C-alpha cells in the first residue's frame, strides 16, 4: 500500500462554500461573491474584502448546517428563545479568564 496525499477542500474556496451552503443561502452568497470579485478586479485593494467575505461565508456553511440554526436565528430576531444578555456573558467570560 502506498501513501497517498490527503486531499481536504479549502473551506474558504468559493466552490466549497457554494456546495456546502443550504439551497436557501446560495443566491445571496453568489450575489455577494460576484460583487466582491468585481470590486477586487477593479481595485486590488478590495482583495482583502473578498477574502473576508469568503471567510464569513465559510462560517455560515458551518452554522447553517447545524440542527436548529434557522430556528435560533428566527428566535433571536424576535427576541425570544434562550439567550444570555451580553453584559452577563462578558462578566462570565472575564471571571473565567481571571481564574
PDB file of N, CA and C in Angstrom:
ATOM      1  N   UNK A   1       0.842  -1.172   0.000  1.00  0.00           N
ATOM      2  CA  UNK A   1       0.000   0.000   0.000  1.00  0.00           C
ATOM      3  C   UNK A   1       0.884   1.230   0.000  1.00  0.00           C
ATOM      4  N   UNK A   2       0.632   2.140  -0.922  1.00  0.00           N
ATOM      5  CA  UNK A   2       1.443   3.348  -0.997  1.00  0.00           C
ATOM      6  C   UNK A   2       0.742   4.494  -0.282  1.00  0.00           C
ATOM      7  N   UNK A   3       1.528   5.403   0.172  1.00  0.00           N
ATOM      8  CA  UNK A   3       0.966   6.568   0.864  1.00  0.00           C
ATOM      9  C   UNK A   3       0.383   7.516  -0.167  1.00  0.00           C
ATOM     10  N   UNK A   4      -0.817   7.961   0.086  1.00  0.00           N
ATOM     11  CA  UNK A   4      -1.487   8.907  -0.795  1.00  0.00           C
ATOM     12  C   UNK A   4      -1.694  10.216  -0.044  1.00  0.00           C
ATOM     13  N   UNK A   5      -1.503  11.329  -0.721  1.00  0.00           N
ATOM     14  CA  UNK A   5      -1.763  12.605  -0.032  1.00  0.00           C
ATOM     15  C   UNK A   5      -3.236  12.705   0.337  1.00  0.00           C
ATOM     16  N   UNK A   6      -3.472  13.295   1.471  1.00  0.00           N
ATOM     17  CA  UNK A   6      -4.834  13.520   1.911  1.00  0.00           C
ATOM     18  C   UNK A   6      -5.302  14.835   1.305  1.00  0.00           C
ATOM     19  N   UNK A   7      -6.412  14.761   0.597  1.00  0.00           N
ATOM     20  CA  UNK A   7      -6.948  15.974  -0.017  1.00  0.00           C
ATOM     21  C   UNK A   7      -8.096  16.490   0.835  1.00  0.00           C
ATOM     22  N   UNK A   8      -7.950  17.698   1.292  1.00  0.00           N
ATOM     23  CA  UNK A   8      -9.024  18.348   2.040  1.00  0.00           C
ATOM     24  C   UNK A   8      -9.409  19.616   1.292  1.00  0.00           C
ATOM     25  N   UNK A   9     -10.699  19.820   1.140  1.00  0.00           N
ATOM     26  CA  UNK A   9     -11.171  21.034   0.488  1.00  0.00           C
ATOM     27  C   UNK A   9     -10.859  22.243   1.352  1.00  0.00           C
ATOM     28  N   UNK A  10     -10.504  23.335   0.700  1.00  0.00           N
ATOM     29  CA  UNK A  10     -10.289  24.602   1.397  1.00  0.00           C
ATOM     30  C   UNK A  10     -11.665  25.150   1.776  1.00  0.00           C
ATOM     31  N   UNK A  11     -11.949  25.319   3.062  1.00  0.00           N
ATOM     32  CA  UNK A  11     -13.286  25.780   3.455  1.00  0.00           C
ATOM     33  C   UNK A  11     -13.614  27.180   2.948  1.00  0.00           C
ATOM     34  N   UNK A  12     -12.591  27.935   2.516  1.00  0.00           N
ATOM     35  CA  UNK A  12     -12.842  29.282   2.016  1.00  0.00           C
ATOM     36  C   UNK A  12     -12.823  29.349   0.487  1.00  0.00           C
ATOM     37  N   UNK A  13     -12.781  28.198  -0.153  1.00  0.00           N
ATOM     38  CA  UNK A  13     -12.875  28.143  -1.607  1.00  0.00           C
ATOM     39  C   UNK A  13     -14.333  28.417  -1.999  1.00  0.00           C
ATOM     40  N   UNK A  14     -14.579  29.307  -2.962  1.00  0.00           N
ATOM     41  CA  UNK A  14     -15.956  29.639  -3.321  1.00  0.00           C
ATOM     42  C   UNK A  14     -16.799  28.418  -3.709  1.00  0.00           C
ATOM     43  N   UNK A  15     -16.211  27.478  -4.424  1.00  0.00           N
ATOM     44  CA  UNK A  15     -16.964  26.294  -4.827  1.00  0.00           C
ATOM     45  C   UNK A  15     -17.304  25.420  -3.619  1.00  0.00           C
ATOM     46  N   UNK A  16     -16.374  25.283  -2.689  1.00  0.00           N
ATOM     47  CA  UNK A  16     -16.625  24.522  -1.467  1.00  0.00           C
ATOM     48  C   UNK A  16     -17.748  25.179  -0.666  1.00  0.00           C
ATOM     49  N   UNK A  17     -17.715  26.502  -0.583  1.00  0.00           N
ATOM     50  CA  UNK A  17     -18.764  27.235   0.131  1.00  0.00           C
ATOM     51  C   UNK A  17     -20.106  26.993  -0.541  1.00  0.00           C
ATOM     52  N   UNK A  18     -20.155  27.171  -1.852  1.00  0.00           N
ATOM     53  CA  UNK A  18     -21.411  27.007  -2.577  1.00  0.00           C
ATOM     54  C   UNK A  18     -21.984  25.606  -2.380  1.00  0.00           C
ATOM     55  N   UNK A  19     -21.152  24.589  -2.480  1.00  0.00           N
ATOM     56  CA  UNK A  19     -21.619  23.209  -2.306  1.00  0.00           C
ATOM     57  C   UNK A  19     -22.083  22.946  -0.883  1.00  0.00           C
ATOM     58  N   UNK A  20     -21.458  23.604   0.093  1.00  0.00           N
ATOM     59  CA  UNK A  20     -21.784  23.360   1.489  1.00  0.00           C
ATOM     60  C   UNK A  20     -22.990  24.125   2.004  1.00  0.00           C
ATOM     61  N   UNK A  21     -23.366  25.176   1.290  1.00  0.00           N
ATOM     62  CA  UNK A  21     -24.484  26.003   1.747  1.00  0.00           C
ATOM     63  C   UNK A  21     -25.819  25.312   1.508  1.00  0.00           C
ATOM     64  N   UNK A  22     -26.752  25.495   2.435  1.00  0.00           N
ATOM     65  CA  UNK A  22     -28.121  25.075   2.145  1.00  0.00           C
ATOM     66  C   UNK A  22     -28.630  25.864   0.933  1.00  0.00           C
ATOM     67  N   UNK A  23     -29.512  25.269   0.184  1.00  0.00           N
ATOM     68  CA  UNK A  23     -30.043  25.872  -1.046  1.00  0.00           C
ATOM     69  C   UNK A  23     -30.536  27.304  -0.827  1.00  0.00           C
ATOM     70  N   UNK A  24     -31.179  27.552   0.292  1.00  0.00           N
ATOM     71  CA  UNK A  24     -31.769  28.867   0.544  1.00  0.00           C
ATOM     72  C   UNK A  24     -30.734  29.973   0.715  1.00  0.00           C
ATOM     73  N   UNK A  25     -29.469  29.637   0.924  1.00  0.00           N
ATOM     74  CA  UNK A  25     -28.408  30.633   1.111  1.00  0.00           C
ATOM     75  C   UNK A  25     -27.616  30.915  -0.168  1.00  0.00           C
ATOM     76  N   UNK A  26     -27.747  30.065  -1.164  1.00  0.00           N
ATOM     77  CA  UNK A  26     -26.847  30.120  -2.324  1.00  0.00           C
ATOM     78  C   UNK A  26     -26.981  31.376  -3.165  1.00  0.00           C
ATOM     79  N   UNK A  27     -28.194  31.828  -3.433  1.00  0.00           N
ATOM     80  CA  UNK A  27     -28.356  33.030  -4.261  1.00  0.00           C
ATOM     81  C   UNK A  27     -27.704  34.246  -3.617  1.00  0.00           C
ATOM     82  N   UNK A  28     -27.874  34.389  -2.301  1.00  0.00           N
ATOM     83  CA  UNK A  28     -27.276  35.539  -1.616  1.00  0.00           C
ATOM     84  C   UNK A  28     -25.756  35.439  -1.618  1.00  0.00           C
ATOM     85  N   UNK A  29     -25.225  34.237  -1.404  1.00  0.00           N
ATOM     86  CA  UNK A  29     -23.768  34.066  -1.469  1.00  0.00           C
ATOM     87  C   UNK A  29     -23.257  34.472  -2.850  1.00  0.00           C
ATOM     88  N   UNK A  30     -23.880  33.958  -3.895  1.00  0.00           N
ATOM     89  CA  UNK A  30     -23.423  34.271  -5.254  1.00  0.00           C
ATOM     90  C   UNK A  30     -23.519  35.762  -5.548  1.00  0.00           C
ATOM     91  N   UNK A  31     -24.577  36.412  -5.091  1.00  0.00           N
ATOM     92  CA  UNK A  31     -24.722  37.858  -5.292  1.00  0.00           C
ATOM     93  C   UNK A  31     -23.574  38.617  -4.637  1.00  0.00           C
ATOM     94  N   UNK A  32     -23.308  38.299  -3.367  1.00  0.00           N
ATOM     95  CA  UNK A  32     -22.235  38.984  -2.644  1.00  0.00           C
ATOM     96  C   UNK A  32     -20.864  38.636  -3.214  1.00  0.00           C
ATOM     97  N   UNK A  33     -20.672  37.379  -3.565  1.00  0.00           N
ATOM     98  CA  UNK A  33     -19.388  36.941  -4.110  1.00  0.00           C
ATOM     99  C   UNK A  33     -19.085  37.649  -5.429  1.00  0.00           C
ATOM    100  N   UNK A  34     -20.060  37.692  -6.319  1.00  0.00           N
ATOM    101  CA  UNK A  34     -19.849  38.338  -7.620  1.00  0.00           C
ATOM    102  C   UNK A  34     -19.551  39.826  -7.457  1.00  0.00           C
ATOM    103  N   UNK A  35     -20.237  40.478  -6.533  1.00  0.00           N
ATOM    104  CA  UNK A  35     -19.977  41.900  -6.289  1.00  0.00           C
ATOM    105  C   UNK A  35     -18.565  42.107  -5.739  1.00  0.00           C
ATOM    106  N   UNK A  36     -18.137  41.227  -4.844  1.00  0.00           N
ATOM    107  CA  UNK A  36     -16.797  41.348  -4.257  1.00  0.00           C
ATOM    108  C   UNK A  36     -15.715  41.058  -5.286  1.00  0.00           C
ATOM    109  N   UNK A  37     -15.952  40.085  -6.156  1.00  0.00           N
ATOM    110  CA  UNK A  37     -14.989  39.783  -7.223  1.00  0.00           C
ATOM    111  C   UNK A  37     -14.865  40.967  -8.167  1.00  0.00           C
ATOM    112  N   UNK A  38     -16.001  41.546  -8.531  1.00  0.00           N
ATOM    113  CA  UNK A  38     -15.995  42.716  -9.413  1.00  0.00           C
ATOM    114  C   UNK A  38     -15.218  43.875  -8.780  1.00  0.00           C
ATOM    115  N   UNK A  39     -15.458  44.118  -7.498  1.00  0.00           N
ATOM    116  CA  UNK A  39     -14.748  45.197  -6.801  1.00  0.00           C
ATOM    117  C   UNK A  39     -13.255  44.922  -6.748  1.00  0.00           C
ATOM    118  N   UNK A  40     -12.880  43.669  -6.477  1.00  0.00           N
ATOM    119  CA  UNK A  40     -11.458  43.312  -6.390  1.00  0.00           C
ATOM    120  C   UNK A  40     -10.794  43.393  -7.763  1.00  0.00           C
ATOM    121  N   UNK A  41     -11.538  43.082  -8.804  1.00  0.00           N
ATOM    122  CA  UNK A  41     -10.982  43.163 -10.150  1.00  0.00           C
ATOM    123  C   UNK A  41     -10.679  44.615 -10.518  1.00  0.00           C
ATOM    124  N   UNK A  42     -11.536  45.532 -10.067  1.00  0.00           N
ATOM    125  CA  UNK A  42     -11.348  46.948 -10.379  1.00  0.00           C
ATOM    126  C   UNK A  42     -10.345  47.641  -9.465  1.00  0.00           C
ATOM    127  N   UNK A  43     -10.157  47.090  -8.260  1.00  0.00           N
ATOM    128  CA  UNK A  43      -9.269  47.718  -7.272  1.00  0.00           C
ATOM    129  C   UNK A  43      -8.646  46.621  -6.421  1.00  0.00           C
ATOM    130  N   UNK A  44      -7.378  46.358  -6.645  1.00  0.00           N
ATOM    131  CA  UNK A  44      -6.704  45.268  -5.945  1.00  0.00           C
ATOM    132  C   UNK A  44      -6.757  45.429  -4.427  1.00  0.00           C
ATOM    133  N   UNK A  45      -6.941  46.631  -3.950  1.00  0.00           N
ATOM    134  CA  UNK A  45      -7.061  46.858  -2.505  1.00  0.00           C
ATOM    135  C   UNK A  45      -8.319  46.191  -1.947  1.00  0.00           C
ATOM    136  N   UNK A  46      -9.292  45.892  -2.801  1.00  0.00           N
ATOM    137  CA  UNK A  46     -10.525  45.245  -2.376  1.00  0.00           C
ATOM    138  C   UNK A  46     -10.383  43.729  -2.220  1.00  0.00           C
ATOM    139  N   UNK A  47      -9.210  43.205  -2.563  1.00  0.00           N
ATOM    140  CA  UNK A  47      -8.982  41.766  -2.444  1.00  0.00           C
ATOM    141  C   UNK A  47      -9.139  41.307  -0.992  1.00  0.00           C
ATOM    142  N   UNK A  48      -8.709  42.107  -0.045  1.00  0.00           N
ATOM    143  CA  UNK A  48      -8.867  41.753   1.370  1.00  0.00           C
ATOM    144  C   UNK A  48     -10.343  41.619   1.737  1.00  0.00           C
ATOM    145  N   UNK A  49     -11.180  42.479   1.181  1.00  0.00           N
ATOM    146  CA  UNK A  49     -12.618  42.390   1.444  1.00  0.00           C
ATOM    147  C   UNK A  49     -13.195  41.104   0.857  1.00  0.00           C
ATOM    148  N   UNK A  50     -12.700  40.687  -0.302  1.00  0.00           N
ATOM    149  CA  UNK A  50     -13.138  39.430  -0.906  1.00  0.00           C
ATOM    150  C   UNK A  50     -12.761  38.245  -0.019  1.00  0.00           C
ATOM    151  N   UNK A  51     -11.541  38.259   0.481  1.00  0.00           N
ATOM    152  CA  UNK A  51     -11.102  37.176   1.370  1.00  0.00           C
ATOM    153  C   UNK A  51     -11.937  37.136   2.646  1.00  0.00           C
ATOM    154  N   UNK A  52     -12.255  38.299   3.201  1.00  0.00           N
ATOM    155  CA  UNK A  52     -13.089  38.370   4.403  1.00  0.00           C
ATOM    156  C   UNK A  52     -14.498  37.837   4.116  1.00  0.00           C
ATOM    157  N   UNK A  53     -15.036  38.181   2.972  1.00  0.00           N
ATOM    158  CA  UNK A  53     -16.352  37.684   2.578  1.00  0.00           C
ATOM    159  C   UNK A  53     -16.346  36.151   2.512  1.00  0.00           C
ATOM    160  N   UNK A  54     -15.318  35.577   1.900  1.00  0.00           N
ATOM    161  CA  UNK A  54     -15.228  34.116   1.808  1.00  0.00           C
ATOM    162  C   UNK A  54     -15.086  33.487   3.189  1.00  0.00           C
ATOM    163  N   UNK A  55     -14.335  34.130   4.063  1.00  0.00           N
ATOM    164  CA  UNK A  55     -14.197  33.610   5.428  1.00  0.00           C
ATOM    165  C   UNK A  55     -15.551  33.615   6.136  1.00  0.00           C
ATOM    166  N   UNK A  56     -16.263  34.720   6.033  1.00  0.00           N
ATOM    167  CA  UNK A  56     -17.579  34.817   6.693  1.00  0.00           C
ATOM    168  C   UNK A  56     -18.544  33.765   6.165  1.00  0.00           C
ATOM    169  N   UNK A  57     -18.564  33.591   4.854  1.00  0.00           N
ATOM    170  CA  UNK A  57     -19.477  32.600   4.286  1.00  0.00           C
ATOM    171  C   UNK A  57     -19.052  31.179   4.641  1.00  0.00           C
ATOM    172  N   UNK A  58     -17.758  30.943   4.829  1.00  0.00           N
ATOM    173  CA  UNK A  58     -17.335  29.600   5.268  1.00  0.00           C
ATOM    174  C   UNK A  58     -17.873  29.318   6.665  1.00  0.00           C
ATOM    175  N   UNK A  59     -17.995  30.348   7.483  1.00  0.00           N
ATOM    176  CA  UNK A  59     -18.587  30.187   8.812  1.00  0.00           C
ATOM    177  C   UNK A  59     -20.091  29.952   8.716  1.00  0.00           C
ATOM    178  N   UNK A  60     -20.730  30.593   7.746  1.00  0.00           N
ATOM    179  CA  UNK A  60     -22.162  30.370   7.530  1.00  0.00           C
ATOM    180  C   UNK A  60     -22.415  28.911   7.159  1.00  0.00           C
ATOM    181  N   UNK A  61     -21.525  28.336   6.345  1.00  0.00           N
ATOM    182  CA  UNK A  61     -21.664  26.919   5.975  1.00  0.00           C
ATOM    183  C   UNK A  61     -21.720  26.057   7.235  1.00  0.00           C
ATOM    184  N   UNK A  62     -20.800  26.301   8.160  1.00  0.00           N
ATOM    185  CA  UNK A  62     -20.759  25.517   9.396  1.00  0.00           C
ATOM    186  C   UNK A  62     -22.027  25.751  10.217  1.00  0.00           C
ATOM    187  N   UNK A  63     -22.376  27.009  10.418  1.00  0.00           N
ATOM    188  CA  UNK A  63     -23.517  27.341  11.270  1.00  0.00           C
ATOM    189  C   UNK A  63     -24.835  26.870  10.673  1.00  0.00           C
ATOM    190  N   UNK A  64     -25.052  27.154   9.393  1.00  0.00           N
ATOM    191  CA  UNK A  64     -26.344  26.865   8.774  1.00  0.00           C
ATOM    192  C   UNK A  64     -26.615  25.375   8.662  1.00  0.00           C
ATOM    193  N   UNK A  65     -25.598  24.565   8.760  1.00  0.00           N
ATOM    194  CA  UNK A  65     -25.790  23.120   8.694  1.00  0.00           C
ATOM    195  C   UNK A  65     -25.970  22.479  10.069  1.00  0.00           C
ATOM    196  N   UNK A  66     -26.019  23.300  11.109  1.00  0.00           N
ATOM    197  CA  UNK A  66     -26.283  22.783  12.455  1.00  0.00           C
ATOM    198  C   UNK A  66     -27.788  22.658  12.672  1.00  0.00           C
ATOM    199  N   UNK A  67     -28.220  21.575  13.294  1.00  0.00           N
ATOM    200  CA  UNK A  67     -29.658  21.439  13.577  1.00  0.00           C
ATOM    201  C   UNK A  67     -30.151  22.613  14.429  1.00  0.00           C
ATOM    202  N   UNK A  68     -31.274  23.170  14.048  1.00  0.00           N
ATOM    203  CA  UNK A  68     -31.878  24.255  14.815  1.00  0.00           C
ATOM    204  C   UNK A  68     -31.346  25.642  14.490  1.00  0.00           C
ATOM    205  N   UNK A  69     -30.452  25.753  13.524  1.00  0.00           N
ATOM    206  CA  UNK A  69     -29.840  27.052  13.204  1.00  0.00           C
ATOM    207  C   UNK A  69     -30.893  28.094  12.818  1.00  0.00           C
ATOM    208  N   UNK A  70     -31.735  27.766  11.851  1.00  0.00           N
ATOM    209  CA  UNK A  70     -32.702  28.741  11.365  1.00  0.00           C
ATOM    210  C   UNK A  70     -33.731  29.100  12.426  1.00  0.00           C
ATOM    211  N   UNK A  71     -34.065  28.146  13.250  1.00  0.00           N
ATOM    212  CA  UNK A  71     -34.990  28.424  14.348  1.00  0.00           C
ATOM    213  C   UNK A  71     -34.347  29.379  15.355  1.00  0.00           C
ATOM    214  N   UNK A  72     -33.059  29.175  15.641  1.00  0.00           N
ATOM    215  CA  UNK A  72     -32.349  30.053  16.572  1.00  0.00           C
ATOM    216  C   UNK A  72     -32.239  31.473  16.017  1.00  0.00           C
ATOM    217  N   UNK A  73     -31.992  31.590  14.716  1.00  0.00           N
ATOM    218  CA  UNK A  73     -31.933  32.917  14.085  1.00  0.00           C
ATOM    219  C   UNK A  73     -33.293  33.595  14.180  1.00  0.00           C
ATOM    220  N   UNK A  74     -34.346  32.850  13.870  1.00  0.00           N
ATOM    221  CA  UNK A  74     -35.702  33.394  13.953  1.00  0.00           C
ATOM    222  C   UNK A  74     -35.996  33.873  15.374  1.00  0.00           C
ATOM    223  N   UNK A  75     -35.662  33.039  16.379  1.00  0.00           N
ATOM    224  CA  UNK A  75     -35.912  33.410  17.767  1.00  0.00           C
ATOM    225  C   UNK A  75     -35.100  34.630  18.180  1.00  0.00           C
ATOM    226  N   UNK A  76     -33.854  34.706  17.725  1.00  0.00           N
ATOM    227  CA  UNK A  76     -33.008  35.855  18.070  1.00  0.00           C
ATOM    228  C   UNK A  76     -33.585  37.145  17.492  1.00  0.00           C
ATOM    229  N   UNK A  77     -34.058  37.067  16.255  1.00  0.00           N
ATOM    230  CA  UNK A  77     -34.647  38.260  15.629  1.00  0.00           C
ATOM    231  C   UNK A  77     -35.927  38.687  16.345  1.00  0.00           C
ATOM    232  N   UNK A  78     -36.639  37.713  16.870  1.00  0.00           N
ATOM    233  CA  UNK A  78     -37.893  38.008  17.574  1.00  0.00           C
ATOM    234  C   UNK A  78     -37.659  38.364  19.041  1.00  0.00           C
ATOM    235  N   UNK A  79     -36.427  38.190  19.520  1.00  0.00           N
ATOM    236  CA  UNK A  79     -36.133  38.468  20.925  1.00  0.00           C
ATOM    237  C   UNK A  79     -36.674  37.403  21.854  1.00  0.00           C
ATOM    238  N   UNK A  80     -36.879  36.216  21.316  1.00  0.00           N
ATOM    239  CA  UNK A  80     -37.382  35.103  22.114  1.00  0.00           C
ATOM    240  C   UNK A  80     -36.339  33.993  22.136  1.00  0.00           C
ATOM    241  N   UNK A  81     -36.674  32.923  22.816  1.00  0.00           N
ATOM    242  CA  UNK A  81     -35.749  31.794  22.850  1.00  0.00           C
ATOM    243  C   UNK A  81     -34.739  31.931  23.965  1.00  0.00           C
ATOM    244  N   UNK A  82     -33.779  31.018  23.971  1.00  0.00           N
ATOM    245  CA  UNK A  82     -32.758  31.011  25.014  1.00  0.00           C
ATOM    246  C   UNK A  82     -31.617  31.926  24.622  1.00  0.00           C
ATOM    247  N   UNK A  83     -31.266  32.810  25.520  1.00  0.00           N
ATOM    248  CA  UNK A  83     -30.140  33.701  25.277  1.00  0.00           C
ATOM    249  C   UNK A  83     -29.584  34.185  26.605  1.00  0.00           C
ATOM    250  N   UNK A  84     -28.382  34.741  26.517  1.00  0.00           N
ATOM    251  CA  UNK A  84     -27.739  35.336  27.685  1.00  0.00           C
ATOM    252  C   UNK A  84     -27.471  36.786  27.315  1.00  0.00           C
ATOM    253  N   UNK A  85     -27.904  37.735  28.132  1.00  0.00           N
ATOM    254  CA  UNK A  85     -27.606  39.145  27.838  1.00  0.00           C
ATOM    255  C   UNK A  85     -26.093  39.362  27.695  1.00  0.00           C
ATOM    256  N   UNK A  86     -25.707  40.251  26.810  1.00  0.00           N
ATOM    257  CA  UNK A  86     -24.297  40.499  26.528  1.00  0.00           C
ATOM    258  C   UNK A  86     -23.512  40.822  27.789  1.00  0.00           C
ATOM    259  N   UNK A  87     -24.035  41.694  28.633  1.00  0.00           N
ATOM    260  CA  UNK A  87     -23.315  42.083  29.846  1.00  0.00           C
ATOM    261  C   UNK A  87     -23.032  40.872  30.727  1.00  0.00           C
ATOM    262  N   UNK A  88     -24.003  39.988  30.837  1.00  0.00           N
ATOM    263  CA  UNK A  88     -23.840  38.778  31.642  1.00  0.00           C
ATOM    264  C   UNK A  88     -22.809  37.834  31.020  1.00  0.00           C
ATOM    265  N   UNK A  89     -22.840  37.691  29.708  1.00  0.00           N
ATOM    266  CA  UNK A  89     -21.872  36.822  29.025  1.00  0.00           C
ATOM    267  C   UNK A  89     -20.457  37.369  29.175  1.00  0.00           C
ATOM    268  N   UNK A  90     -20.316  38.693  29.049  1.00  0.00           N
ATOM    269  CA  UNK A  90     -18.991  39.302  29.204  1.00  0.00           C
ATOM    270  C   UNK A  90     -18.475  39.140  30.627  1.00  0.00           C
ATOM    271  N   UNK A  91     -19.339  39.342  31.600  1.00  0.00           N
ATOM    272  CA  UNK A  91     -18.926  39.183  33.003  1.00  0.00           C
ATOM    273  C   UNK A  91     -18.492  37.744  33.273  1.00  0.00           C
ATOM    274  N   UNK A  92     -19.222  36.790  32.743  1.00  0.00           N
ATOM    275  CA  UNK A  92     -18.863  35.378  32.939  1.00  0.00           C
ATOM    276  C   UNK A  92     -17.526  35.059  32.274  1.00  0.00           C
ATOM    277  N   UNK A  93     -17.300  35.612  31.090  1.00  0.00           N
ATOM    278  CA  UNK A  93     -16.026  35.364  30.391  1.00  0.00           C
ATOM    279  C   UNK A  93     -14.860  36.018  31.128  1.00  0.00           C
ATOM    280  N   UNK A  94     -15.062  37.223  31.633  1.00  0.00           N
ATOM    281  CA  UNK A  94     -13.998  37.881  32.414  1.00  0.00           C
ATOM    282  C   UNK A  94     -13.675  37.083  33.662  1.00  0.00           C
ATOM    283  N   UNK A  95     -14.697  36.586  34.336  1.00  0.00           N
ATOM    284  CA  UNK A  95     -14.476  35.783  35.549  1.00  0.00           C
ATOM    285  C   UNK A  95     -13.744  34.489  35.210  1.00  0.00           C
ATOM    286  N   UNK A  96     -14.094  33.887  34.076  1.00  0.00           N
ATOM    287  CA  UNK A  96     -13.418  32.658  33.655  1.00  0.00           C
ATOM    288  C   UNK A  96     -11.948  32.918  33.380  1.00  0.00           C
ATOM    289  N   UNK A  97     -11.660  34.017  32.722  1.00  0.00           N
ATOM    290  CA  UNK A  97     -10.269  34.342  32.381  1.00  0.00           C
ATOM    291  C   UNK A  97      -9.462  34.728  33.612  1.00  0.00           C
ATOM    292  N   UNK A  98     -10.107  35.306  34.604  1.00  0.00           N
ATOM    293  CA  UNK A  98      -9.416  35.731  35.831  1.00  0.00           C
ATOM    294  C   UNK A  98      -9.045  34.551  36.706  1.00  0.00           C
ATOM    295  N   UNK A  99      -9.754  33.458  36.580  1.00  0.00           N
ATOM    296  CA  UNK A  99      -9.478  32.314  37.476  1.00  0.00           C
ATOM    297  C   UNK A  99      -8.404  31.407  36.937  1.00  0.00           C
TER     298      UNK A  99
END
